[in-house]
């Protein structure tokens, strides 16, 4: 097993239609306004930017994010990641609810596959893995709360 590789999967159920959720998620430059652990996003061009993250651990991760797929009809946003993390991340948004095709709620699936390239995190890969996973889970929980609050304002 490569201890520096991670696969993450989070499901968020949101009280907003998929198109409204998509509209917020596609604006990466606004993430710091609603996701506390996304400390900074700098736009490079229409498909690329850099992002700095920090959750509970006192350590920043910096990545270059490049849009690979932006499909509002399919509800898919996918990006490649380079820098302290190498890999990809994807949002898939679908209407949520048993038999509810009104589209008033959203099932947001977040998937990420990355390899940590940061020298410090690679050195701490084995003993730090449970802490890194917990740190990611806290970040995702805060992101879900922030997005839900942001959607109430839109």
N, C-alpha and C. Protein backbone atom coordinates (compact mmCIF):
# COMPACT_ATOMS: atom_id res chain seq x y z
N UNK A 1 0.83 -1.18 0.00
CA UNK A 1 0.00 0.00 0.00
C UNK A 1 0.88 1.25 0.00
N UNK A 2 0.53 2.20 -0.84
CA UNK A 2 1.22 3.49 -0.85
C UNK A 2 0.52 4.39 0.16
N UNK A 3 1.18 4.64 1.27
CA UNK A 3 0.58 5.40 2.37
C UNK A 3 0.39 6.88 2.04
N UNK A 4 0.93 7.33 0.91
CA UNK A 4 0.77 8.73 0.51
C UNK A 4 -0.39 8.93 -0.47
N UNK A 5 -1.11 7.86 -0.78
CA UNK A 5 -2.26 7.95 -1.67
C UNK A 5 -3.55 7.94 -0.84
N UNK A 6 -4.50 8.76 -1.28
CA UNK A 6 -5.77 8.85 -0.58
C UNK A 6 -6.92 8.84 -1.57
N UNK A 7 -8.00 8.20 -1.15
CA UNK A 7 -9.28 8.25 -1.86
C UNK A 7 -10.31 8.74 -0.87
N UNK A 8 -10.99 9.80 -1.24
CA UNK A 8 -12.02 10.37 -0.38
C UNK A 8 -13.34 10.35 -1.11
N UNK A 9 -14.40 10.17 -0.35
CA UNK A 9 -15.76 10.20 -0.90
C UNK A 9 -16.66 10.79 0.17
N UNK A 10 -17.36 11.85 -0.17
CA UNK A 10 -18.29 12.49 0.76
C UNK A 10 -19.61 12.70 0.05
N UNK A 11 -20.69 12.52 0.78
CA UNK A 11 -22.03 12.79 0.25
C UNK A 11 -22.64 13.89 1.09
N UNK A 12 -23.08 14.92 0.39
CA UNK A 12 -23.76 16.03 1.05
C UNK A 12 -25.19 16.08 0.51
N UNK A 13 -26.15 16.16 1.39
CA UNK A 13 -27.54 16.38 0.98
C UNK A 13 -27.87 17.83 1.31
N UNK A 14 -28.28 18.56 0.28
CA UNK A 14 -28.46 20.00 0.42
C UNK A 14 -29.88 20.41 0.05
N UNK A 15 -30.41 21.37 0.78
CA UNK A 15 -31.78 21.85 0.57
C UNK A 15 -31.79 22.97 -0.47
N UNK A 16 -31.35 22.63 -1.67
CA UNK A 16 -31.34 23.57 -2.80
C UNK A 16 -31.31 22.73 -4.07
N UNK A 17 -31.83 23.26 -5.17
CA UNK A 17 -31.82 22.51 -6.42
C UNK A 17 -30.40 22.36 -6.98
N UNK A 18 -30.16 21.29 -7.74
CA UNK A 18 -28.82 21.05 -8.28
C UNK A 18 -28.23 22.22 -9.06
N UNK A 19 -29.05 22.95 -9.82
CA UNK A 19 -28.49 24.06 -10.60
C UNK A 19 -27.98 25.18 -9.69
N UNK A 20 -28.64 25.41 -8.55
CA UNK A 20 -28.18 26.42 -7.60
C UNK A 20 -26.88 25.97 -6.94
N UNK A 21 -26.79 24.69 -6.59
CA UNK A 21 -25.57 24.16 -5.97
C UNK A 21 -24.42 24.25 -6.98
N UNK A 22 -24.69 23.85 -8.21
CA UNK A 22 -23.67 23.90 -9.27
C UNK A 22 -23.15 25.33 -9.43
N UNK A 23 -24.05 26.31 -9.44
CA UNK A 23 -23.66 27.71 -9.63
C UNK A 23 -22.69 28.17 -8.55
N UNK A 24 -22.86 27.71 -7.33
CA UNK A 24 -21.94 28.08 -6.25
C UNK A 24 -20.63 27.31 -6.39
N UNK A 25 -20.71 26.00 -6.64
CA UNK A 25 -19.50 25.18 -6.70
C UNK A 25 -18.61 25.52 -7.89
N UNK A 26 -19.19 26.00 -8.97
CA UNK A 26 -18.35 26.28 -10.15
C UNK A 26 -17.52 27.56 -9.97
N UNK A 27 -17.83 28.35 -8.95
CA UNK A 27 -17.10 29.60 -8.72
C UNK A 27 -16.02 29.37 -7.65
N UNK A 28 -14.97 28.69 -8.06
CA UNK A 28 -13.88 28.36 -7.14
C UNK A 28 -13.28 29.55 -6.44
N UNK A 29 -13.26 30.70 -7.11
CA UNK A 29 -12.68 31.90 -6.49
C UNK A 29 -13.47 32.37 -5.28
N UNK A 30 -14.73 31.92 -5.15
CA UNK A 30 -15.56 32.31 -4.01
C UNK A 30 -15.50 31.33 -2.84
N UNK A 31 -14.83 30.19 -2.99
CA UNK A 31 -14.81 29.19 -1.92
C UNK A 31 -14.36 29.76 -0.57
N UNK A 32 -13.33 30.63 -0.52
CA UNK A 32 -12.93 31.14 0.79
C UNK A 32 -14.04 31.91 1.53
N UNK A 33 -15.02 32.40 0.81
CA UNK A 33 -16.11 33.14 1.45
C UNK A 33 -17.06 32.23 2.22
N UNK A 34 -17.12 30.95 1.85
CA UNK A 34 -18.05 30.06 2.54
C UNK A 34 -17.42 28.79 3.10
N UNK A 35 -16.20 28.48 2.69
CA UNK A 35 -15.53 27.27 3.17
C UNK A 35 -14.30 27.71 3.97
N UNK A 36 -14.37 27.69 5.30
CA UNK A 36 -13.31 28.26 6.14
C UNK A 36 -11.91 27.69 5.89
N UNK A 37 -11.81 26.43 5.53
CA UNK A 37 -10.50 25.81 5.35
C UNK A 37 -9.86 26.11 3.99
N UNK A 38 -10.63 26.67 3.09
CA UNK A 38 -10.06 27.13 1.81
C UNK A 38 -9.62 28.56 2.09
N UNK A 39 -8.34 28.72 2.37
CA UNK A 39 -7.83 30.00 2.87
C UNK A 39 -7.63 31.02 1.76
N UNK A 40 -7.35 30.54 0.54
CA UNK A 40 -7.06 31.48 -0.54
C UNK A 40 -7.23 30.78 -1.88
N UNK A 41 -7.80 31.50 -2.83
CA UNK A 41 -7.89 31.03 -4.21
C UNK A 41 -7.46 32.19 -5.10
N UNK A 42 -6.52 31.92 -5.99
CA UNK A 42 -6.04 32.94 -6.92
C UNK A 42 -6.30 32.43 -8.33
N UNK A 43 -7.08 33.17 -9.09
CA UNK A 43 -7.39 32.78 -10.46
C UNK A 43 -6.19 33.06 -11.35
N UNK A 44 -5.82 32.06 -12.16
CA UNK A 44 -4.73 32.21 -13.12
C UNK A 44 -5.31 32.54 -14.49
N UNK A 45 -6.28 31.75 -14.92
CA UNK A 45 -7.01 32.00 -16.16
C UNK A 45 -8.39 31.38 -16.01
N UNK A 46 -9.17 31.30 -17.08
CA UNK A 46 -10.56 30.84 -16.94
C UNK A 46 -10.69 29.37 -16.54
N UNK A 47 -9.63 28.57 -16.66
CA UNK A 47 -9.70 27.16 -16.29
C UNK A 47 -8.76 26.77 -15.15
N UNK A 48 -7.91 27.70 -14.70
CA UNK A 48 -6.85 27.35 -13.75
C UNK A 48 -6.77 28.37 -12.62
N UNK A 49 -6.43 27.86 -11.45
CA UNK A 49 -6.18 28.72 -10.30
C UNK A 49 -5.32 28.00 -9.29
N UNK A 50 -4.88 28.72 -8.29
CA UNK A 50 -4.16 28.09 -7.19
C UNK A 50 -5.02 28.23 -5.94
N UNK A 51 -4.90 27.24 -5.07
CA UNK A 51 -5.69 27.24 -3.84
C UNK A 51 -4.80 26.84 -2.67
N UNK A 52 -5.06 27.47 -1.53
CA UNK A 52 -4.34 27.15 -0.31
C UNK A 52 -5.37 26.69 0.71
N UNK A 53 -5.12 25.49 1.29
CA UNK A 53 -6.04 24.88 2.26
C UNK A 53 -5.33 24.71 3.59
N UNK A 54 -6.10 24.81 4.65
CA UNK A 54 -5.61 24.43 5.98
C UNK A 54 -6.83 24.11 6.83
N UNK A 55 -6.82 22.92 7.40
CA UNK A 55 -7.91 22.53 8.28
C UNK A 55 -7.43 22.67 9.72
N UNK A 56 -7.59 21.63 10.51
CA UNK A 56 -7.22 21.70 11.92
C UNK A 56 -5.70 21.70 12.13
N UNK A 57 -5.00 20.94 11.31
CA UNK A 57 -3.54 20.88 11.44
C UNK A 57 -2.92 22.21 11.04
N UNK A 58 -1.88 22.63 11.71
CA UNK A 58 -1.25 23.92 11.39
C UNK A 58 -0.30 23.79 10.20
N UNK A 59 -0.84 23.39 9.06
CA UNK A 59 -0.01 23.14 7.87
C UNK A 59 -0.84 23.44 6.63
N UNK A 60 -0.32 24.29 5.76
CA UNK A 60 -1.01 24.64 4.52
C UNK A 60 -0.66 23.67 3.41
N UNK A 61 -1.64 23.37 2.58
CA UNK A 61 -1.43 22.65 1.33
C UNK A 61 -1.74 23.62 0.20
N UNK A 62 -0.88 23.67 -0.81
CA UNK A 62 -1.08 24.55 -1.94
C UNK A 62 -1.14 23.70 -3.20
N UNK A 63 -2.19 23.92 -3.99
CA UNK A 63 -2.37 23.16 -5.22
C UNK A 63 -2.75 24.09 -6.37
N UNK A 64 -2.40 23.66 -7.56
CA UNK A 64 -2.90 24.28 -8.78
C UNK A 64 -4.07 23.44 -9.23
N UNK A 65 -5.20 24.08 -9.43
CA UNK A 65 -6.44 23.40 -9.80
C UNK A 65 -6.74 23.77 -11.25
N UNK A 66 -6.95 22.75 -12.09
CA UNK A 66 -7.29 23.00 -13.48
C UNK A 66 -8.58 22.28 -13.82
N UNK A 67 -9.56 23.03 -14.31
CA UNK A 67 -10.86 22.44 -14.68
C UNK A 67 -10.66 21.44 -15.81
N UNK A 68 -11.19 20.22 -15.62
CA UNK A 68 -11.15 19.19 -16.66
C UNK A 68 -12.53 19.00 -17.27
N UNK A 69 -13.56 19.15 -16.45
CA UNK A 69 -14.93 18.98 -16.94
C UNK A 69 -15.85 19.91 -16.18
N UNK A 70 -16.60 20.68 -16.92
CA UNK A 70 -17.63 21.56 -16.34
C UNK A 70 -18.89 21.33 -17.15
N UNK A 71 -19.79 20.50 -16.61
CA UNK A 71 -20.99 20.10 -17.35
C UNK A 71 -22.22 20.35 -16.48
N UNK A 72 -22.85 21.53 -16.64
CA UNK A 72 -24.01 21.83 -15.80
C UNK A 72 -25.19 20.92 -16.06
N UNK A 73 -25.35 20.41 -17.28
CA UNK A 73 -26.47 19.52 -17.59
C UNK A 73 -26.32 18.21 -16.84
N UNK A 74 -25.11 17.65 -16.83
CA UNK A 74 -24.85 16.40 -16.12
C UNK A 74 -24.61 16.65 -14.63
N UNK A 75 -24.39 17.91 -14.24
CA UNK A 75 -24.12 18.23 -12.84
C UNK A 75 -22.75 17.79 -12.40
N UNK A 76 -21.76 17.87 -13.30
CA UNK A 76 -20.41 17.39 -12.99
C UNK A 76 -19.40 18.53 -13.10
N UNK A 77 -18.60 18.66 -12.06
CA UNK A 77 -17.44 19.55 -12.05
C UNK A 77 -16.24 18.69 -11.66
N UNK A 78 -15.23 18.68 -12.51
CA UNK A 78 -14.04 17.86 -12.23
C UNK A 78 -12.79 18.68 -12.51
N UNK A 79 -11.79 18.49 -11.66
CA UNK A 79 -10.54 19.25 -11.80
C UNK A 79 -9.35 18.36 -11.50
N UNK A 80 -8.24 18.68 -12.15
CA UNK A 80 -6.97 18.03 -11.81
C UNK A 80 -6.28 18.90 -10.76
N UNK A 81 -5.47 18.25 -9.93
CA UNK A 81 -4.75 18.92 -8.85
C UNK A 81 -3.26 18.65 -9.01
N UNK A 82 -2.46 19.71 -8.87
CA UNK A 82 -1.00 19.57 -8.91
C UNK A 82 -0.41 20.42 -7.80
N UNK A 83 0.67 19.96 -7.24
CA UNK A 83 1.32 20.70 -6.16
C UNK A 83 1.52 19.80 -4.96
N UNK A 84 1.10 20.24 -3.78
CA UNK A 84 1.24 19.42 -2.57
C UNK A 84 0.37 18.17 -2.66
N UNK A 85 -0.66 18.21 -3.51
CA UNK A 85 -1.50 17.06 -3.81
C UNK A 85 -1.52 16.89 -5.32
N UNK A 86 -1.37 15.66 -5.80
CA UNK A 86 -1.44 15.38 -7.23
C UNK A 86 -2.58 14.40 -7.45
N UNK A 87 -3.49 14.73 -8.36
CA UNK A 87 -4.60 13.83 -8.65
C UNK A 87 -5.78 14.58 -9.21
N UNK A 88 -6.96 14.25 -8.72
CA UNK A 88 -8.19 14.87 -9.24
C UNK A 88 -9.25 14.93 -8.15
N UNK A 89 -10.23 15.80 -8.40
CA UNK A 89 -11.40 15.93 -7.53
C UNK A 89 -12.62 16.14 -8.43
N UNK A 90 -13.77 15.62 -7.97
CA UNK A 90 -14.99 15.73 -8.79
C UNK A 90 -16.22 15.88 -7.91
N UNK A 91 -17.10 16.79 -8.32
CA UNK A 91 -18.44 16.92 -7.76
C UNK A 91 -19.41 16.34 -8.77
N UNK A 92 -20.38 15.55 -8.31
CA UNK A 92 -21.48 15.07 -9.14
C UNK A 92 -22.76 15.40 -8.39
N UNK A 93 -23.60 16.21 -9.03
CA UNK A 93 -24.82 16.71 -8.40
C UNK A 93 -26.04 16.10 -9.08
N UNK A 94 -26.95 15.56 -8.27
CA UNK A 94 -28.19 14.98 -8.79
C UNK A 94 -29.34 15.39 -7.88
N UNK A 95 -30.57 15.40 -8.43
CA UNK A 95 -31.73 15.67 -7.57
C UNK A 95 -31.79 14.63 -6.45
N UNK A 96 -32.19 15.07 -5.27
CA UNK A 96 -32.26 14.17 -4.11
C UNK A 96 -33.71 14.08 -3.65
N UNK A 97 -34.10 12.91 -3.27
CA UNK A 97 -35.44 12.71 -2.73
C UNK A 97 -36.09 11.49 -3.33
N UNK A 98 -36.84 10.81 -2.54
CA UNK A 98 -37.54 9.62 -3.00
C UNK A 98 -38.69 10.02 -3.90
N UNK A 99 -38.52 9.76 -5.18
CA UNK A 99 -39.55 10.09 -6.15
C UNK A 99 -39.75 11.58 -6.36
N UNK A 100 -38.89 12.40 -5.79
CA UNK A 100 -39.02 13.86 -5.91
C UNK A 100 -38.21 14.33 -7.10
N UNK A 101 -38.86 14.55 -8.21
CA UNK A 101 -38.18 15.04 -9.40
C UNK A 101 -38.31 16.55 -9.53
N UNK A 102 -38.78 17.21 -8.49
CA UNK A 102 -38.92 18.66 -8.55
C UNK A 102 -37.56 19.34 -8.54
N UNK A 103 -36.55 18.61 -8.10
CA UNK A 103 -35.22 19.18 -8.08
C UNK A 103 -35.01 20.20 -6.99
N UNK A 104 -35.76 20.11 -5.92
CA UNK A 104 -35.63 21.09 -4.85
C UNK A 104 -34.53 20.74 -3.84
N UNK A 105 -34.01 19.54 -3.90
CA UNK A 105 -32.92 19.11 -3.03
C UNK A 105 -31.83 18.50 -3.90
N UNK A 106 -30.61 18.49 -3.37
CA UNK A 106 -29.47 17.99 -4.14
C UNK A 106 -28.69 16.94 -3.36
N UNK A 107 -28.32 15.89 -4.06
CA UNK A 107 -27.38 14.89 -3.59
C UNK A 107 -26.05 15.28 -4.23
N UNK A 108 -25.11 15.73 -3.42
CA UNK A 108 -23.80 16.16 -3.92
C UNK A 108 -22.76 15.12 -3.52
N UNK A 109 -22.19 14.48 -4.51
CA UNK A 109 -21.14 13.48 -4.27
C UNK A 109 -19.79 14.12 -4.58
N UNK A 110 -18.90 14.11 -3.59
CA UNK A 110 -17.54 14.61 -3.78
C UNK A 110 -16.61 13.41 -3.76
N UNK A 111 -15.79 13.30 -4.80
CA UNK A 111 -14.79 12.23 -4.88
C UNK A 111 -13.44 12.87 -5.15
N UNK A 112 -12.43 12.29 -4.53
CA UNK A 112 -11.07 12.80 -4.72
C UNK A 112 -10.10 11.64 -4.63
N UNK A 113 -9.17 11.61 -5.57
CA UNK A 113 -8.06 10.65 -5.53
C UNK A 113 -6.79 11.45 -5.69
N UNK A 114 -5.93 11.39 -4.67
CA UNK A 114 -4.71 12.19 -4.69
C UNK A 114 -3.54 11.42 -4.09
N UNK A 115 -2.38 11.88 -4.47
CA UNK A 115 -1.15 11.45 -3.82
C UNK A 115 -0.53 12.69 -3.19
N UNK A 116 -0.13 12.56 -1.95
CA UNK A 116 0.50 13.67 -1.24
C UNK A 116 1.94 13.78 -1.72
N UNK A 117 2.35 14.95 -2.16
CA UNK A 117 3.72 15.15 -2.61
C UNK A 117 4.51 16.02 -1.65
N UNK A 118 3.83 16.66 -0.72
CA UNK A 118 4.49 17.49 0.28
C UNK A 118 5.51 16.65 1.05
N UNK A 119 6.78 17.06 1.07
CA UNK A 119 7.82 16.24 1.74
C UNK A 119 7.50 15.93 3.20
N UNK A 120 7.00 16.90 3.95
CA UNK A 120 6.69 16.66 5.37
C UNK A 120 5.58 15.62 5.51
N UNK A 121 4.51 15.77 4.74
CA UNK A 121 3.40 14.82 4.84
C UNK A 121 3.80 13.43 4.36
N UNK A 122 4.71 13.34 3.41
CA UNK A 122 5.19 12.03 2.97
C UNK A 122 6.01 11.36 4.08
N UNK A 123 6.83 12.16 4.77
CA UNK A 123 7.62 11.60 5.88
C UNK A 123 6.71 11.10 7.01
N UNK A 124 5.58 11.76 7.19
CA UNK A 124 4.66 11.40 8.26
C UNK A 124 3.52 10.49 7.77
N UNK A 125 3.66 9.94 6.57
CA UNK A 125 2.57 9.20 5.92
C UNK A 125 2.00 8.08 6.79
N UNK A 126 2.83 7.25 7.36
CA UNK A 126 2.32 6.11 8.12
C UNK A 126 1.75 6.54 9.47
N UNK A 127 2.52 7.22 10.33
CA UNK A 127 1.93 7.58 11.63
C UNK A 127 0.84 8.65 11.52
N UNK A 128 0.93 9.49 10.50
CA UNK A 128 -0.01 10.59 10.38
C UNK A 128 -1.29 10.28 9.63
N UNK A 129 -1.36 9.13 8.97
CA UNK A 129 -2.51 8.84 8.10
C UNK A 129 -3.86 8.99 8.80
N UNK A 130 -4.07 8.43 9.99
CA UNK A 130 -5.38 8.61 10.65
C UNK A 130 -5.67 10.09 10.95
N UNK A 131 -4.65 10.83 11.30
CA UNK A 131 -4.84 12.26 11.60
C UNK A 131 -5.16 13.01 10.31
N UNK A 132 -4.47 12.69 9.21
CA UNK A 132 -4.73 13.36 7.93
C UNK A 132 -6.16 13.08 7.46
N UNK A 133 -6.60 11.84 7.62
CA UNK A 133 -7.96 11.49 7.21
C UNK A 133 -9.00 12.22 8.08
N UNK A 134 -8.74 12.29 9.37
CA UNK A 134 -9.66 13.01 10.27
C UNK A 134 -9.67 14.50 9.93
N UNK A 135 -8.51 15.04 9.62
CA UNK A 135 -8.39 16.45 9.24
C UNK A 135 -9.23 16.72 7.98
N UNK A 136 -9.16 15.82 7.02
CA UNK A 136 -9.96 15.96 5.79
C UNK A 136 -11.45 15.89 6.11
N UNK A 137 -11.83 14.96 6.97
CA UNK A 137 -13.25 14.81 7.34
C UNK A 137 -13.78 16.09 8.00
N UNK A 138 -12.98 16.70 8.87
CA UNK A 138 -13.39 17.96 9.51
C UNK A 138 -13.54 19.06 8.47
N UNK A 139 -12.63 19.09 7.52
CA UNK A 139 -12.70 20.10 6.46
C UNK A 139 -13.98 19.92 5.64
N UNK A 140 -14.31 18.68 5.30
CA UNK A 140 -15.50 18.42 4.50
C UNK A 140 -16.77 18.76 5.29
N UNK A 141 -16.79 18.46 6.56
CA UNK A 141 -17.95 18.78 7.39
C UNK A 141 -18.18 20.30 7.43
N UNK A 142 -17.11 21.04 7.60
CA UNK A 142 -17.22 22.51 7.62
C UNK A 142 -17.62 23.04 6.25
N UNK A 143 -17.12 22.42 5.19
CA UNK A 143 -17.49 22.84 3.84
C UNK A 143 -18.96 22.64 3.57
N UNK A 144 -19.51 21.53 4.04
CA UNK A 144 -20.93 21.26 3.86
C UNK A 144 -21.78 22.30 4.58
N UNK A 145 -21.40 22.61 5.82
CA UNK A 145 -22.12 23.63 6.57
C UNK A 145 -22.04 24.99 5.88
N UNK A 146 -20.84 25.34 5.41
CA UNK A 146 -20.65 26.62 4.74
C UNK A 146 -21.44 26.72 3.44
N UNK A 147 -21.46 25.63 2.68
CA UNK A 147 -22.21 25.63 1.42
C UNK A 147 -23.71 25.74 1.70
N UNK A 148 -24.19 25.00 2.68
CA UNK A 148 -25.62 25.06 3.02
C UNK A 148 -26.00 26.49 3.41
N UNK A 149 -25.16 27.15 4.20
CA UNK A 149 -25.45 28.53 4.60
C UNK A 149 -25.41 29.46 3.39
N UNK A 150 -24.44 29.25 2.51
CA UNK A 150 -24.31 30.09 1.31
C UNK A 150 -25.55 29.94 0.42
N UNK A 151 -26.05 28.70 0.30
CA UNK A 151 -27.21 28.45 -0.55
C UNK A 151 -28.47 29.11 0.00
N UNK A 152 -28.54 29.27 1.30
CA UNK A 152 -29.70 29.95 1.89
C UNK A 152 -29.72 31.44 1.52
N UNK A 153 -28.55 31.99 1.17
CA UNK A 153 -28.44 33.40 0.80
C UNK A 153 -28.70 33.66 -0.67
N UNK A 154 -28.62 32.61 -1.48
CA UNK A 154 -28.76 32.80 -2.93
C UNK A 154 -30.20 32.78 -3.35
